[in-house]
Amino acid sequence: MIQIQHHVALKEFNTFGISAFAKAYTPINIPAQFKEAASYYKGEQVFLLGGGSNMLLIDDISRPVLHVLTKGIETQAAQNGEIHITAQAGENWHEFVLYCIKNNYAGIENLSLIPGNIGTSPIQNIGAYGVELKDVFNSCTVIDLQTLEEKSLSLEECNFGYRDSVFKKEAAGKYIITSVTFKLQDLSINPDYKLKTSYGAIQEELDRLGGEPDIALVSQAVINIRTSKLPDPKIIGNSGSFFKNPIIKRDRYDELVRLHPHMPSYNVDDDHVKVPAGWLIDQCGFKGYRKGDAGVHDKQALVLVNHGKATGKEIISLSREIQEKVNSRFGISIDTEVNLIENM
């Protein structure tokens, strides 16, 4: 039986620590409550709340809020050392990564310490240090909010792109993701798994840690790098990377690098490169910048922070100021990675 609460404070449920309220709030603690809630709110637009990590609340939420808190992990052996693992939508992402490492399942160790829950990971196609969710994704179960039909969506049907998926486009607001199934490598069967250590500073951190590299050590290296750059939301409100790294044409990059010789980049394909948005923002003088309680982190310019009492409107105002300055100086548009929750 679902429970509906009214005028519920959401400050503790979003990592930015923004003070906002839900007009109606329903926690989903067991899988059976998904269909019950979807049936109760059929015909209404609902707001799905997970770990609250990839969003900025700009206004109170007038839509019914369904807070996904379901737990559970199941494994199923596949062929050639591959293992399929299904995790319920309310499982914490980083805790799931640690569970897989503990059980010698490889493939997501580079995604350590990404905030949020399992259910929201496909929406954003989360990624870090050379690995994206789509690389280890098998399928996800969803409930259609209009028909109440439960079905499975394949990798192809999710149409993943860079920090993008079908859930942000034509299927936006259509489904509740109830669980996700991953395809990982069981190292007890397939010990020849190749670690991914070439992206960013992973190899450098591995050298510093010493020892024989394995998935646990790669995870620790990623954790060390992330904690050295990214603030803990429990200490200062933030949602991790606020902006996407822009992808530009290679000939445009060649023009820019003549003017800015130290501009870094990562190859995407023969015709495109990815430029770190944090570097662009830093070059515009925003690292450590503060406007009231809205600010830019002093160690990573890609991260916007709430120093205490910033509103969502103040954070978004700062982000637009940054976007305009980067575009003015480099002619590059940087898009927000964080979902902006307004007028709902």
Protein backbone atom coordinates (compact mmCIF):
# COMPACT_ATOMS: atom_id res chain seq x y z
CA MET A 1 0.00 0.00 0.00
CA ILE A 2 1.52 3.32 -1.06
CA GLN A 3 1.60 6.26 1.33
CA ILE A 4 1.15 9.84 0.16
CA GLN A 5 2.67 12.69 2.14
CA HIS A 6 2.06 16.38 1.46
CA HIS A 7 4.32 19.46 1.38
CA VAL A 8 7.46 17.41 1.92
CA ALA A 9 10.85 19.17 2.13
CA LEU A 10 13.27 17.91 -0.53
CA LYS A 11 16.46 19.53 0.78
CA GLU A 12 17.77 16.24 2.18
CA PHE A 13 16.89 14.41 -1.04
CA ASN A 14 19.01 16.44 -3.48
CA THR A 15 22.79 16.66 -3.39
CA PHE A 16 22.78 20.38 -4.18
CA GLY A 17 20.99 20.91 -0.86
CA ILE A 18 18.42 23.19 -2.47
CA SER A 19 15.43 24.07 -0.31
CA ALA A 20 12.32 23.06 -2.27
CA PHE A 21 9.09 21.22 -1.53
CA ALA A 22 7.00 18.44 -3.08
CA LYS A 23 3.26 19.04 -3.11
CA ALA A 24 2.70 15.25 -2.93
CA TYR A 25 5.42 12.72 -2.07
CA THR A 26 5.23 8.92 -2.33
CA PRO A 27 8.13 6.65 -1.34
CA ILE A 28 8.46 3.44 -3.41
CA ASN A 29 10.06 0.87 -1.11
CA ILE A 30 9.16 -2.42 -2.82
CA PRO A 31 8.75 -3.27 -6.54
CA ALA A 32 5.00 -3.94 -6.22
CA GLN A 33 4.46 -0.28 -5.31
CA PHE A 34 5.63 0.87 -8.75
CA LYS A 35 2.46 -0.36 -10.45
CA GLU A 36 0.29 0.71 -7.54
CA ALA A 37 1.63 4.27 -7.71
CA ALA A 38 1.49 4.34 -11.52
CA SER A 39 -2.12 3.19 -11.39
CA TYR A 40 -3.05 5.71 -8.70
CA TYR A 41 -1.49 8.60 -10.67
CA LYS A 42 -2.51 7.33 -14.13
CA GLY A 43 -3.04 10.23 -16.50
CA GLU A 44 -0.93 12.57 -14.38
CA GLN A 45 2.66 13.58 -15.01
CA VAL A 46 4.80 12.37 -12.13
CA PHE A 47 8.31 13.34 -11.07
CA LEU A 48 10.68 10.42 -10.42
CA LEU A 49 13.23 11.05 -7.67
CA GLY A 50 16.22 8.76 -7.28
CA GLY A 51 19.44 9.70 -5.49
CA GLY A 52 18.87 13.40 -6.23
CA SER A 53 22.39 13.70 -7.61
CA ASN A 54 21.99 14.85 -11.18
CA MET A 55 19.44 17.60 -10.82
CA LEU A 56 19.00 21.20 -9.84
CA LEU A 57 15.68 22.11 -8.19
CA ILE A 58 14.73 25.57 -9.40
CA ASP A 59 11.14 25.58 -8.13
CA ASP A 60 8.91 23.57 -5.82
CA ILE A 61 7.49 20.45 -7.50
CA SER A 62 3.73 20.48 -7.99
CA ARG A 63 3.67 17.08 -9.73
CA PRO A 64 3.38 13.96 -7.59
CA VAL A 65 6.90 12.90 -6.57
CA LEU A 66 7.68 9.17 -6.60
CA HIS A 67 10.85 8.52 -4.59
CA VAL A 68 12.45 5.28 -5.82
CA LEU A 69 13.99 3.41 -2.87
CA THR A 70 13.76 -0.26 -3.95
CA LYS A 71 16.69 -2.58 -3.13
CA GLY A 72 17.95 -5.92 -4.40
CA ILE A 73 20.68 -7.49 -6.57
CA GLU A 74 20.44 -10.79 -8.50
CA THR A 75 23.07 -12.53 -10.65
CA GLN A 76 22.72 -14.91 -13.57
CA ALA A 77 25.65 -16.61 -15.28
CA ALA A 78 25.97 -16.18 -19.04
CA GLN A 79 28.42 -17.62 -21.58
CA ASN A 80 32.19 -17.15 -21.93
CA GLY A 81 32.71 -15.73 -18.47
CA GLU A 82 30.04 -13.06 -18.86
CA ILE A 83 27.72 -12.51 -15.91
CA HIS A 84 24.37 -10.71 -15.97
CA ILE A 85 23.55 -8.75 -12.82
CA THR A 86 20.15 -7.16 -12.19
CA ALA A 87 19.96 -4.35 -9.66
CA GLN A 88 16.80 -2.68 -8.41
CA ALA A 89 16.40 0.99 -9.28
CA GLY A 90 16.85 2.27 -5.71
CA GLU A 91 20.28 0.70 -5.21
CA ASN A 92 23.08 3.23 -4.74
CA TRP A 93 25.38 3.26 -7.77
CA HIS A 94 28.73 3.36 -5.96
CA GLU A 95 27.69 0.68 -3.50
CA PHE A 96 26.74 -1.48 -6.49
CA VAL A 97 30.19 -0.91 -8.02
CA LEU A 98 31.82 -2.01 -4.76
CA TYR A 99 29.57 -5.08 -4.63
CA CYS A 100 30.71 -6.08 -8.13
CA ILE A 101 34.38 -5.56 -7.29
CA LYS A 102 34.02 -7.62 -4.11
CA ASN A 103 32.54 -10.46 -6.16
CA ASN A 104 35.24 -10.20 -8.86
CA TYR A 105 32.90 -8.86 -11.56
CA ALA A 106 34.69 -6.48 -13.93
CA GLY A 107 33.53 -3.68 -16.20
CA ILE A 108 32.32 -0.81 -14.03
CA GLU A 109 35.34 -0.17 -11.80
CA ASN A 110 36.11 3.03 -13.77
CA LEU A 111 32.66 4.32 -12.80
CA SER A 112 33.43 4.30 -9.07
CA LEU A 113 32.10 7.10 -6.86
CA ILE A 114 29.62 8.45 -9.40
CA PRO A 115 26.73 9.74 -7.29
CA GLY A 116 23.16 8.60 -7.78
CA ASN A 117 21.15 5.40 -7.99
CA ILE A 118 20.87 2.52 -10.44
CA GLY A 119 17.52 3.62 -11.86
CA THR A 120 18.76 6.96 -13.12
CA SER A 121 22.05 5.65 -14.57
CA PRO A 122 20.60 4.78 -18.03
CA ILE A 123 18.84 8.12 -18.38
CA GLN A 124 22.12 9.99 -18.37
CA ASN A 125 24.22 7.17 -19.84
CA ILE A 126 26.64 7.90 -17.00
CA GLY A 127 30.31 7.72 -17.82
CA ALA A 128 33.80 8.45 -16.54
CA TYR A 129 37.42 7.63 -17.31
CA GLY A 130 36.83 6.02 -20.68
CA VAL A 131 33.78 3.92 -19.76
CA GLU A 132 30.08 4.61 -20.30
CA LEU A 133 27.04 2.77 -18.99
CA LYS A 134 26.17 1.61 -22.51
CA ASP A 135 29.42 -0.43 -22.56
CA VAL A 136 28.09 -2.73 -19.82
CA PHE A 137 24.33 -2.36 -20.31
CA ASN A 138 22.21 -5.39 -21.19
CA SER A 139 18.62 -4.24 -20.59
CA CYS A 140 16.30 -2.47 -18.18
CA THR A 141 12.77 -3.13 -17.00
CA VAL A 142 10.29 -0.28 -17.21
CA ILE A 143 6.65 0.45 -16.51
CA ASP A 144 4.75 2.53 -19.05
CA LEU A 145 3.03 5.25 -17.03
CA GLN A 146 0.09 5.42 -19.45
CA THR A 147 -0.63 1.76 -20.17
CA LEU A 148 0.86 0.33 -16.91
CA GLU A 149 2.55 -2.29 -19.12
CA GLU A 150 5.83 -3.70 -17.78
CA LYS A 151 8.46 -4.55 -20.37
CA SER A 152 12.18 -4.84 -21.02
CA LEU A 153 14.16 -2.37 -23.14
CA SER A 154 17.30 -3.52 -24.94
CA LEU A 155 20.56 -1.65 -25.52
CA GLU A 156 19.40 -0.66 -29.01
CA GLU A 157 16.00 0.54 -27.80
CA CYS A 158 17.62 2.84 -25.21
CA ASN A 159 19.45 4.70 -28.01
CA PHE A 160 22.36 5.82 -25.84
CA GLY A 161 24.53 8.80 -26.76
CA TYR A 162 27.00 11.00 -24.92
CA ARG A 163 25.18 11.70 -21.61
CA ASP A 164 22.00 10.97 -23.51
CA SER A 165 19.38 8.27 -24.04
CA VAL A 166 15.85 7.64 -25.26
CA PHE A 167 14.69 8.56 -21.74
CA LYS A 168 15.75 12.17 -22.31
CA LYS A 169 14.16 12.40 -25.75
CA GLU A 170 11.11 10.66 -27.20
CA ALA A 171 10.53 8.56 -24.06
CA ALA A 172 10.96 11.45 -21.62
CA GLY A 173 8.37 11.09 -18.85
CA LYS A 174 6.97 7.89 -20.41
CA TYR A 175 8.54 5.22 -18.21
CA ILE A 176 9.56 4.34 -14.68
CA ILE A 177 12.82 2.38 -14.76
CA THR A 178 12.40 -0.33 -12.14
CA SER A 179 15.64 -2.30 -12.56
CA VAL A 180 18.74 -2.49 -14.76
CA THR A 181 20.62 -5.59 -15.94
CA PHE A 182 24.34 -5.29 -16.62
CA LYS A 183 26.69 -7.60 -18.50
CA LEU A 184 30.03 -7.85 -16.72
CA GLN A 185 33.03 -10.19 -16.81
CA ASP A 186 33.39 -12.84 -14.12
CA LEU A 187 37.14 -12.82 -13.46
CA SER A 188 37.02 -16.23 -11.81
CA ILE A 189 36.14 -17.60 -15.27
CA ASN A 190 37.71 -14.98 -17.53
CA PRO A 191 40.93 -13.76 -15.85
CA ASP A 192 42.25 -12.18 -19.08
CA TYR A 193 40.03 -9.12 -18.77
CA LYS A 194 41.88 -5.98 -19.93
CA LEU A 195 41.83 -3.08 -17.48
CA LYS A 196 41.06 0.39 -18.87
CA THR A 197 43.79 2.62 -17.49
CA SER A 198 44.71 4.99 -20.34
CA TYR A 199 42.12 7.70 -19.68
CA GLY A 200 42.97 10.73 -17.56
CA ALA A 201 45.32 10.25 -14.64
CA ILE A 202 44.41 6.63 -13.83
CA GLN A 203 47.78 5.12 -14.79
CA GLU A 204 49.66 7.84 -12.93
CA GLU A 205 47.60 7.18 -9.79
CA LEU A 206 48.08 3.42 -10.17
CA ASP A 207 51.85 3.95 -10.31
CA ARG A 208 51.63 6.00 -7.14
CA LEU A 209 49.58 3.34 -5.36
CA GLY A 210 51.93 0.55 -6.40
CA GLY A 211 51.07 -3.12 -6.45
CA GLU A 212 49.68 -5.29 -9.22
CA PRO A 213 46.78 -3.46 -10.94
CA ASP A 214 43.40 -5.14 -10.68
CA ILE A 215 39.80 -3.92 -10.70
CA ALA A 216 39.95 -3.03 -6.99
CA LEU A 217 43.09 -0.94 -7.49
CA VAL A 218 41.63 0.79 -10.56
CA SER A 219 38.53 1.61 -8.51
CA GLN A 220 40.67 3.02 -5.72
CA ALA A 221 42.65 5.10 -8.22
CA VAL A 222 39.41 6.55 -9.61
CA ILE A 223 38.12 7.23 -6.09
CA ASN A 224 41.38 9.01 -5.19
CA ILE A 225 41.27 11.15 -8.33
CA ARG A 226 37.61 12.05 -7.92
CA THR A 227 37.91 12.93 -4.23
CA SER A 228 40.93 15.13 -4.97
CA LYS A 229 38.92 17.13 -7.50
CA LEU A 230 35.26 16.85 -6.57
CA PRO A 231 33.65 18.09 -3.35
CA ASP A 232 31.65 15.79 -1.08
CA PRO A 233 27.93 16.75 -1.32
CA LYS A 234 27.63 15.98 2.40
CA ILE A 235 30.02 18.85 3.06
CA ILE A 236 29.11 21.32 0.31
CA GLY A 237 26.08 21.07 -1.97
CA ASN A 238 26.84 20.08 -5.56
CA SER A 239 25.81 17.67 -8.28
CA GLY A 240 29.20 16.73 -9.67
CA SER A 241 29.94 17.85 -13.21
CA PHE A 242 27.44 20.56 -14.05
CA PHE A 243 28.36 20.84 -17.74
CA LYS A 244 28.99 18.34 -20.53
CA ASN A 245 32.38 18.31 -22.21
CA PRO A 246 31.68 19.82 -25.65
CA ILE A 247 32.45 17.85 -28.81
CA ILE A 248 33.66 20.02 -31.68
CA LYS A 249 34.91 19.43 -35.22
CA ARG A 250 38.61 18.70 -35.49
CA ASP A 251 39.28 21.53 -37.95
CA ARG A 252 37.63 23.97 -35.51
CA TYR A 253 39.86 22.63 -32.73
CA ASP A 254 42.92 23.09 -34.95
CA GLU A 255 41.95 26.75 -35.38
CA LEU A 256 41.47 27.23 -31.65
CA VAL A 257 44.68 25.50 -30.61
CA ARG A 258 46.69 27.98 -32.71
CA LEU A 259 45.26 30.72 -30.48
CA HIS A 260 45.32 28.62 -27.29
CA PRO A 261 48.30 26.23 -27.61
CA HIS A 262 47.62 24.48 -24.30
CA MET A 263 43.98 23.62 -25.02
CA PRO A 264 43.56 19.90 -24.17
CA SER A 265 41.38 17.48 -26.11
CA TYR A 266 40.36 13.83 -26.39
CA ASN A 267 39.78 12.06 -29.70
CA VAL A 268 36.16 11.11 -30.43
CA ASP A 269 36.53 10.02 -34.06
CA ASP A 270 38.42 11.10 -37.16
CA ASP A 271 36.42 14.32 -37.46
CA HIS A 272 35.66 15.29 -33.84
CA VAL A 273 37.41 15.94 -30.53
CA LYS A 274 36.12 16.45 -27.00
CA VAL A 275 37.35 19.54 -25.15
CA PRO A 276 37.25 19.55 -21.31
CA ALA A 277 34.60 22.06 -20.25
CA GLY A 278 36.41 22.52 -16.94
CA TRP A 279 39.47 23.84 -18.75
CA LEU A 280 37.38 26.30 -20.77
CA ILE A 281 35.64 27.56 -17.63
CA ASP A 282 38.93 27.84 -15.75
CA GLN A 283 40.46 29.89 -18.58
CA CYS A 284 37.56 32.32 -18.21
CA GLY A 285 38.55 32.92 -14.57
CA PHE A 286 35.62 31.17 -12.88
CA LYS A 287 37.46 28.57 -10.77
CA GLY A 288 36.71 29.45 -7.14
CA TYR A 289 34.33 32.23 -8.21
CA ARG A 290 31.46 32.98 -5.86
CA LYS A 291 28.30 35.02 -6.25
CA GLY A 292 26.44 35.01 -2.95
CA ASP A 293 26.14 31.36 -1.95
CA ALA A 294 26.29 30.13 -5.55
CA GLY A 295 29.81 29.34 -6.65
CA VAL A 296 32.32 27.38 -8.72
CA HIS A 297 34.46 24.78 -6.95
CA ASP A 298 38.02 25.95 -6.32
CA LYS A 299 39.58 22.66 -7.49
CA GLN A 300 37.34 21.72 -10.42
CA ALA A 301 35.72 24.45 -12.49
CA LEU A 302 33.25 21.95 -13.97
CA VAL A 303 31.47 21.76 -10.61
CA LEU A 304 29.02 24.39 -9.37
CA VAL A 305 28.43 24.46 -5.62
CA ASN A 306 25.95 25.68 -3.04
CA HIS A 307 27.86 27.32 -0.19
CA GLY A 308 24.81 27.10 2.04
CA LYS A 309 21.66 28.99 1.11
CA ALA A 310 21.83 29.40 -2.66
CA THR A 311 18.56 28.94 -4.51
CA GLY A 312 18.21 26.96 -7.70
CA LYS A 313 17.58 30.20 -9.57
CA GLU A 314 20.88 31.62 -8.31
CA ILE A 315 22.80 28.50 -9.38
CA ILE A 316 21.26 28.53 -12.86
CA SER A 317 21.94 32.26 -13.21
CA LEU A 318 25.62 31.61 -12.50
CA SER A 319 25.69 28.72 -14.99
CA ARG A 320 24.31 30.96 -17.73
CA GLU A 321 26.92 33.60 -16.97
CA ILE A 322 29.60 30.92 -17.40
CA GLN A 323 28.09 29.64 -20.66
CA GLU A 324 28.01 33.15 -22.12
CA LYS A 325 31.62 33.87 -21.18
CA VAL A 326 32.92 30.58 -22.62
CA ASN A 327 30.99 31.12 -25.85
CA SER A 328 32.22 34.70 -26.11
CA ARG A 329 35.88 33.75 -25.63
CA PHE A 330 36.12 30.44 -27.47
CA GLY A 331 33.02 30.27 -29.68
CA ILE A 332 32.10 26.99 -27.99
CA SER A 333 28.69 26.25 -26.48
CA ILE A 334 28.73 24.17 -23.30
CA ASP A 335 25.52 22.42 -22.34
CA THR A 336 24.36 21.53 -18.85
CA GLU A 337 24.74 17.90 -17.83
CA VAL A 338 22.59 18.36 -14.74
CA ASN A 339 18.82 18.13 -15.23
CA LEU A 340 17.13 21.45 -14.52
CA ILE A 341 13.89 20.92 -12.62
CA GLU A 342 11.63 23.93 -13.03
CA ASN A 343 7.94 24.72 -13.44
CA MET A 344 6.85 21.16 -12.62
